Amino acid sequence: MKLATTLTQTSDSNPPLVLIHGLGSAATAFKPIVSALSQCFRVITVDLPGHGLSPFKQNLAMDPQSLGRLIFDTVKSDYGIREFHVVGNSLGGWIALEMAAEQPARIKSLTGLAPAGLWLTPASGRLPSEARSYYLAKVLKPFLKIGLRSQLLRKIGFSNVSPQWQELSYEICYDASFAMATCTGYFPAWDGMLTKRFEAHIDAQVPVTILFGDTDNTLPYPVSQERSLAPSHSTWLVIDKCGHAPMWDHPDLIVKIIKQTSEQ
């Protein structure tokens, strides 16, 4: 299976950078940082199976390691690129970690934005309360375009995701809500994480930065931010006034951190 991808081509001399979104999201989640990153990278965004523009296929392996292999194959097939820098948010961060562990020679640097998989105890099953955003987006899909102009609906949808939800643009809120409402791969990808966590070794030759927001309610400290599971050589950062989507809350800072990681 091939994934839907986009390439922001600025110059062949710029190194490639792959952006991987999280569960129930899509490549559109990175809009706040793509333009700035494109000044010094060839930015490639991907939609995971059943997310964004990528279809979902039954019986497709949806665990983070398998999704990482699919991304490697797609980027090579679409662009002839074998080695690249990688940035992942949430589930995308976990996928990026698995990619660096399995094929370190192909990952030039890794920046994990609130990566999943670093939890003390893996979940054994789905919790209905954790699917609230998915069901809410599904129910409200016909009303999103108008409804998201209401501060009340934005508060319901995003106050738990970002401490700066009132400053989020209409575009960010709409893109995120639409991605969730149309996500056919939501539960398969969720099931792919059950009973697992990231426990592989990443070679020290791969520069790694991992960062979390100080008010991440999706993957809260300490139960979902276990530093001992991260590569021992990684830089670990906690960002003030930041939630589960750091590229929304602090886009300029996140671009700076990605660049710094790529230069190590």
Protein backbone atom coordinates (compact mmCIF):
# COMPACT_ATOMS: atom_id res chain seq x y z
CA MET A 1 0.00 0.00 0.00
CA LYS A 2 1.17 3.55 -0.78
CA LEU A 3 0.35 6.49 1.42
CA ALA A 4 -0.81 9.92 0.29
CA THR A 5 2.14 12.30 0.45
CA THR A 6 3.06 15.86 -0.44
CA LEU A 7 6.48 17.35 -1.15
CA THR A 8 7.33 20.99 -0.64
CA GLN A 9 10.18 21.37 -3.12
CA THR A 10 12.42 24.35 -2.44
CA SER A 11 15.83 23.14 -3.58
CA ASP A 12 17.42 19.81 -4.38
CA SER A 13 20.29 20.87 -2.14
CA ASN A 14 18.01 20.98 0.92
CA PRO A 15 17.82 17.79 3.01
CA PRO A 16 14.51 15.89 3.09
CA LEU A 17 12.34 16.04 6.21
CA VAL A 18 9.35 13.74 6.77
CA LEU A 19 6.49 14.84 9.04
CA ILE A 20 4.28 12.15 10.65
CA HIS A 21 0.98 13.09 12.31
CA GLY A 22 -0.83 11.45 15.19
CA LEU A 23 -3.90 9.28 15.76
CA GLY A 24 -7.08 10.72 14.23
CA SER A 25 -5.12 13.54 12.64
CA ALA A 26 -3.68 14.19 9.17
CA ALA A 27 -0.78 15.89 7.44
CA THR A 28 -2.73 19.16 7.69
CA ALA A 29 -1.82 19.27 11.40
CA PHE A 30 1.63 20.53 10.41
CA LYS A 31 0.42 23.54 8.39
CA PRO A 32 1.65 26.03 11.04
CA ILE A 33 5.28 24.94 10.52
CA VAL A 34 5.53 23.65 6.95
CA SER A 35 6.24 27.02 5.33
CA ALA A 36 9.06 27.90 7.72
CA LEU A 37 10.59 24.42 7.52
CA SER A 38 10.48 24.57 3.72
CA GLN A 39 13.07 27.35 3.78
CA CYS A 40 15.77 24.81 4.64
CA PHE A 41 14.21 21.35 4.06
CA ARG A 42 12.39 19.47 1.34
CA VAL A 43 9.35 18.81 3.49
CA ILE A 44 7.42 15.58 2.90
CA THR A 45 4.12 15.07 4.70
CA VAL A 46 2.35 11.72 4.86
CA ASP A 47 -1.16 10.63 5.76
CA LEU A 48 -1.28 7.37 7.71
CA PRO A 49 -3.68 4.63 6.49
CA GLY A 50 -7.29 5.68 6.97
CA HIS A 51 -6.21 9.23 7.81
CA GLY A 52 -6.36 12.32 5.61
CA LEU A 53 -6.14 11.31 1.96
CA SER A 54 -4.80 7.80 2.54
CA PRO A 55 -7.35 4.99 2.26
CA PHE A 56 -7.64 2.25 4.83
CA LYS A 57 -7.25 -1.38 3.80
CA GLN A 58 -8.57 -4.26 5.86
CA ASN A 59 -6.00 -6.59 7.41
CA LEU A 60 -3.26 -3.97 7.10
CA ALA A 61 -0.82 -4.08 10.03
CA MET A 62 -1.32 -0.84 11.97
CA ASP A 63 1.22 -1.16 14.79
CA PRO A 64 3.83 1.67 14.94
CA GLN A 65 6.67 -0.50 13.65
CA SER A 66 4.69 -1.64 10.59
CA LEU A 67 3.54 1.92 9.86
CA GLY A 68 7.17 3.05 9.97
CA ARG A 69 8.12 0.46 7.36
CA LEU A 70 5.23 1.64 5.18
CA ILE A 71 6.50 5.22 5.39
CA PHE A 72 10.03 4.16 4.45
CA ASP A 73 8.65 2.29 1.43
CA THR A 74 6.35 5.11 0.34
CA VAL A 75 8.98 7.87 0.55
CA LYS A 76 11.46 5.76 -1.39
CA SER A 77 8.85 4.81 -4.00
CA ASP A 78 7.44 8.33 -4.45
CA TYR A 79 10.65 10.36 -4.32
CA GLY A 80 13.60 7.98 -4.48
CA ILE A 81 14.63 9.17 -1.01
CA ARG A 82 16.14 6.61 1.37
CA GLU A 83 17.53 8.84 4.12
CA PHE A 84 15.77 11.76 5.77
CA HIS A 85 15.19 13.74 8.93
CA VAL A 86 11.91 12.87 10.67
CA VAL A 87 9.47 14.67 12.94
CA GLY A 88 6.51 12.93 14.54
CA ASN A 89 3.66 14.08 16.76
CA SER A 90 1.95 11.71 19.22
CA LEU A 91 1.52 8.35 17.42
CA GLY A 92 3.71 9.81 14.68
CA GLY A 93 6.46 10.34 17.25
CA TRP A 94 6.28 6.69 18.29
CA ILE A 95 6.42 5.63 14.63
CA ALA A 96 9.49 7.82 14.13
CA LEU A 97 11.20 6.20 17.13
CA GLU A 98 10.55 2.72 15.72
CA MET A 99 11.93 3.81 12.35
CA ALA A 100 15.15 5.09 13.90
CA ALA A 101 15.52 1.92 15.97
CA GLU A 102 15.00 -0.43 13.03
CA GLN A 103 16.94 1.45 10.33
CA PRO A 104 19.19 4.05 12.01
CA ALA A 105 21.28 4.58 8.87
CA ARG A 106 18.21 5.98 7.12
CA ILE A 107 17.18 8.48 9.82
CA LYS A 108 19.41 11.56 9.89
CA SER A 109 17.73 13.08 12.96
CA LEU A 110 14.52 12.63 14.94
CA THR A 111 12.33 15.16 16.71
CA GLY A 112 9.47 13.70 18.74
CA LEU A 113 6.66 16.15 19.51
CA ALA A 114 4.81 14.62 22.47
CA PRO A 115 5.50 11.07 21.22
CA ALA A 116 3.25 8.23 22.27
CA GLY A 117 4.64 4.90 23.45
CA LEU A 118 6.65 6.21 26.38
CA TRP A 119 4.14 5.11 28.98
CA LEU A 120 4.71 3.18 32.17
CA THR A 121 1.95 0.62 31.56
CA PRO A 122 0.60 -0.16 28.09
CA ALA A 123 -3.17 -0.08 27.74
CA SER A 124 -4.81 -3.50 27.41
CA GLY A 125 -8.00 -2.24 25.77
CA ARG A 126 -9.88 0.79 24.52
CA LEU A 127 -11.39 3.18 27.04
CA PRO A 128 -14.66 4.74 25.79
CA SER A 129 -13.79 8.05 27.45
CA GLU A 130 -10.67 8.36 25.30
CA ALA A 131 -12.73 8.19 22.09
CA ARG A 132 -14.83 11.22 23.04
CA SER A 133 -13.18 13.53 20.51
CA TYR A 134 -13.69 11.02 17.72
CA TYR A 135 -17.40 10.56 18.36
CA LEU A 136 -17.92 14.27 18.90
CA ALA A 137 -16.28 15.10 15.57
CA LYS A 138 -18.39 12.45 13.82
CA VAL A 139 -21.64 13.82 15.23
CA LEU A 140 -20.77 17.45 14.51
CA LYS A 141 -19.29 16.89 11.04
CA PRO A 142 -22.25 18.53 9.18
CA PHE A 143 -21.90 21.63 11.35
CA LEU A 144 -18.12 22.05 11.53
CA LYS A 145 -17.69 24.88 9.02
CA ILE A 146 -20.14 27.15 10.81
CA GLY A 147 -19.95 25.72 14.31
CA LEU A 148 -16.20 26.17 14.71
CA ARG A 149 -16.65 29.91 14.40
CA SER A 150 -18.24 29.63 17.83
CA GLN A 151 -15.91 29.98 20.78
CA LEU A 152 -18.02 27.48 22.72
CA LEU A 153 -17.49 24.68 20.21
CA ARG A 154 -13.78 25.44 19.98
CA LYS A 155 -13.55 25.27 23.75
CA ILE A 156 -15.31 21.90 23.81
CA GLY A 157 -13.06 20.53 21.08
CA PHE A 158 -9.67 22.04 21.89
CA SER A 159 -9.38 23.27 25.48
CA ASN A 160 -8.10 19.83 26.52
CA VAL A 161 -5.56 19.77 23.68
CA SER A 162 -4.07 23.24 23.94
CA PRO A 163 -3.75 25.70 26.83
CA GLN A 164 -3.80 28.34 24.09
CA TRP A 165 -6.98 27.08 22.42
CA GLN A 166 -8.44 30.59 22.25
CA GLU A 167 -5.56 31.68 20.00
CA LEU A 168 -5.77 28.72 17.61
CA SER A 169 -6.81 29.75 14.10
CA TYR A 170 -10.09 28.69 12.56
CA GLU A 171 -8.08 26.75 9.95
CA ILE A 172 -6.23 24.70 12.56
CA CYS A 173 -9.47 23.85 14.36
CA TYR A 174 -11.35 22.99 11.18
CA ASP A 175 -8.56 20.87 9.70
CA ALA A 176 -8.17 18.91 12.94
CA SER A 177 -11.91 18.38 13.38
CA PHE A 178 -12.43 17.34 9.75
CA ALA A 179 -9.49 14.93 9.92
CA MET A 180 -10.97 13.29 13.01
CA ALA A 181 -14.50 13.18 11.60
CA THR A 182 -13.37 11.44 8.40
CA CYS A 183 -10.77 9.11 9.94
CA THR A 184 -11.53 5.50 8.96
CA GLY A 185 -8.26 4.26 10.44
CA TYR A 186 -8.83 5.63 13.94
CA PHE A 187 -9.68 2.42 15.79
CA PRO A 188 -7.34 0.17 13.79
CA ALA A 189 -4.42 2.50 14.58
CA TRP A 190 -5.51 2.69 18.21
CA ASP A 191 -5.68 -1.10 18.41
CA GLY A 192 -2.19 -1.23 16.91
CA MET A 193 -0.87 0.51 20.01
CA LEU A 194 -2.60 -1.67 22.60
CA THR A 195 -0.41 -3.79 24.89
CA LYS A 196 2.70 -2.12 23.45
CA ARG A 197 5.15 0.63 24.25
CA PHE A 198 8.43 1.81 22.75
CA GLU A 199 11.25 -0.34 24.12
CA ALA A 200 13.76 -0.58 21.27
CA HIS A 201 17.31 0.76 21.17
CA ILE A 202 18.26 3.72 18.98
CA ASP A 203 21.89 4.06 18.01
CA ALA A 204 23.63 7.15 19.37
CA GLN A 205 24.55 8.17 15.82
CA VAL A 206 20.93 9.37 15.38
CA PRO A 207 20.37 12.79 17.00
CA VAL A 208 17.12 12.68 18.97
CA THR A 209 15.11 15.44 20.63
CA ILE A 210 11.94 14.61 22.55
CA LEU A 211 9.68 17.32 23.87
CA PHE A 212 6.41 17.51 25.73
CA GLY A 213 4.18 20.40 26.68
CA ASP A 214 3.83 21.21 30.36
CA THR A 215 0.04 20.81 30.08
CA ASP A 216 -0.25 17.73 27.86
CA ASN A 217 -3.57 16.20 28.89
CA THR A 218 -3.48 13.52 26.21
CA LEU A 219 -0.17 11.97 27.27
CA PRO A 220 0.24 13.39 30.77
CA TYR A 221 3.27 13.34 33.03
CA PRO A 222 4.38 11.04 34.55
CA VAL A 223 2.42 8.01 33.31
CA SER A 224 2.93 8.72 29.60
CA GLN A 225 6.28 10.49 29.69
CA GLU A 226 8.69 7.83 30.97
CA ARG A 227 12.14 9.16 30.20
CA SER A 228 13.90 5.83 30.76
CA LEU A 229 12.20 4.47 27.62
CA ALA A 230 13.67 7.22 25.46
CA PRO A 231 17.13 6.88 23.91
CA SER A 232 19.71 7.62 26.59
CA HIS A 233 21.47 10.16 24.36
CA SER A 234 18.30 12.11 23.50
CA THR A 235 17.68 15.73 24.45
CA TRP A 236 14.52 15.91 26.59
CA LEU A 237 12.60 19.19 26.73
CA VAL A 238 9.46 20.41 28.49
CA ILE A 239 7.82 23.44 26.88
CA ASP A 240 5.87 25.97 28.96
CA LYS A 241 2.27 26.84 28.08
CA CYS A 242 2.11 23.97 25.63
CA GLY A 243 -0.28 21.07 25.09
CA HIS A 244 -0.31 17.93 22.98
CA ALA A 245 0.29 19.66 19.63
CA PRO A 246 3.41 21.77 20.20
CA MET A 247 3.49 22.88 16.53
CA TRP A 248 0.20 24.71 17.17
CA ASP A 249 1.12 26.35 20.46
CA HIS A 250 4.72 27.36 19.65
CA PRO A 251 5.35 27.01 15.90
CA ASP A 252 8.44 29.24 15.77
CA LEU A 253 10.08 27.47 18.70
CA ILE A 254 9.31 24.04 17.25
CA VAL A 255 10.84 24.99 13.90
CA LYS A 256 13.96 26.17 15.74
CA ILE A 257 14.21 22.91 17.71
CA ILE A 258 13.80 20.79 14.58
CA LYS A 259 16.57 22.73 12.85
CA GLN A 260 18.88 22.45 15.85
CA THR A 261 18.30 18.69 16.07
CA SER A 262 19.03 18.25 12.36
CA GLU A 263 22.35 20.07 12.75
CA GLN A 264 23.71 17.88 15.53
